[in-house]
Protein backbone atom coordinates (compact mmCIF):
# COMPACT_ATOMS: atom_id res chain seq x y z
CA MET A 1 0.00 0.00 0.00
CA ILE A 2 1.26 3.45 -0.89
CA LYS A 3 0.17 6.94 0.09
CA LEU A 4 -2.06 7.20 -2.99
CA ASP A 5 -4.00 4.13 -1.81
CA ILE A 6 -4.62 5.82 1.53
CA VAL A 7 -5.82 8.99 -0.23
CA ASN A 8 -8.16 6.92 -2.42
CA ALA A 9 -9.54 5.13 0.65
CA VAL A 10 -10.28 8.49 2.31
CA VAL A 11 -12.02 9.73 -0.85
CA ASN A 12 -14.12 6.57 -1.16
CA LYS A 13 -15.03 6.40 2.53
CA THR A 14 -15.84 10.08 3.13
CA GLY A 15 -16.78 11.44 -0.27
CA VAL A 16 -14.52 14.50 0.06
CA SER A 17 -12.60 15.79 -2.95
CA ARG A 18 -9.25 14.27 -3.85
CA THR A 19 -7.35 17.49 -3.09
CA LYS A 20 -8.86 17.74 0.40
CA ALA A 21 -8.11 14.08 1.05
CA GLU A 22 -4.49 14.59 -0.08
CA GLN A 23 -4.18 17.61 2.22
CA ALA A 24 -5.60 15.62 5.14
CA VAL A 25 -3.22 12.69 4.61
CA GLU A 26 -0.23 15.02 4.16
CA THR A 27 -1.19 16.91 7.33
CA VAL A 28 -1.38 13.71 9.37
CA PHE A 29 1.95 12.43 8.05
CA GLY A 30 3.57 15.85 8.54
CA ALA A 31 2.40 15.99 12.15
CA MET A 32 3.78 12.49 12.74
CA LYS A 33 7.15 13.41 11.19
CA SER A 34 7.51 16.55 13.27
CA ALA A 35 6.55 14.74 16.49
CA LEU A 36 9.06 11.96 15.83
CA GLY A 37 11.67 14.59 14.91
CA LYS A 38 11.21 16.09 18.39
CA GLY A 39 11.63 12.64 19.93
CA GLU A 40 8.00 12.36 20.98
CA ARG A 41 6.06 9.10 21.20
CA ILE A 42 3.03 8.57 18.92
CA GLU A 43 0.37 6.24 20.28
CA LEU A 44 -2.53 5.23 18.04
CA ARG A 45 -4.97 3.21 20.13
CA ARG A 46 -5.72 -0.29 18.79
CA PHE A 47 -3.06 0.23 16.07
CA GLY A 48 0.34 0.66 17.67
CA VAL A 49 3.07 2.94 19.00
CA PHE A 50 5.83 4.77 17.12
CA ASN A 51 8.84 6.00 19.07
CA VAL A 52 12.41 7.10 18.46
CA ARG A 53 15.24 5.14 20.05
CA PRO A 54 18.97 5.77 20.02
CA ARG A 55 21.05 3.49 17.83
CA LYS A 56 24.45 2.30 19.04
CA THR A 57 27.72 2.80 17.26
CA GLY A 58 29.00 -0.21 15.44
CA ILE A 59 31.35 -1.60 12.89
CA GLY A 60 30.07 -2.59 9.47
CA ARG A 61 31.65 -3.85 6.31
CA ASN A 62 31.73 -2.38 2.84
CA PRO A 63 30.27 -5.21 0.71
CA ARG A 64 32.39 -4.29 -2.32
CA THR A 65 35.79 -4.06 -0.69
CA GLY A 66 35.30 -5.94 2.57
CA GLN A 67 36.85 -3.01 4.42
CA GLU A 68 35.58 -2.28 7.93
CA VAL A 69 33.60 0.94 8.31
CA SER A 70 32.64 2.64 11.55
CA ILE A 71 28.89 3.33 11.88
CA PRO A 72 28.13 6.49 13.88
CA PRO A 73 25.44 6.59 16.58
CA GLY A 74 22.05 7.80 15.46
CA LYS A 75 18.34 7.51 16.01
CA ALA A 76 15.88 4.99 14.60
CA VAL A 77 12.08 4.99 14.49
CA ARG A 78 10.54 1.86 15.98
CA PHE A 79 6.98 0.59 15.70
CA LYS A 80 5.29 -1.73 18.15
CA PRO A 81 1.93 -3.04 16.91
CA GLY A 82 -1.13 -2.98 19.14
CA LYS A 83 -3.05 -6.08 20.21
CA GLU A 84 -5.69 -5.81 17.47
CA LEU A 85 -3.04 -5.44 14.77
CA GLN A 86 -1.12 -8.47 16.06
CA THR A 87 -4.16 -10.72 15.68
CA LEU A 88 -4.40 -10.21 11.90
């Protein structure tokens, strides 16, 4: 499923115009991006939880040369599904 499928589902379910549905979907995704960018937790009841966790430093390998490369610390978005989503 891609973003266009979500927009089409909103249009079919609500009957609003395509442009308004696109704006609504973009607004929701934009709000989620900005919240995760601030390190906030997003909890969608009966769906799941998105949160940002720190990622450790590590050592990886360049697949072409086999040379070791140091991986800097960073942040990663994690998703934990809710109970209803796990039963699918």
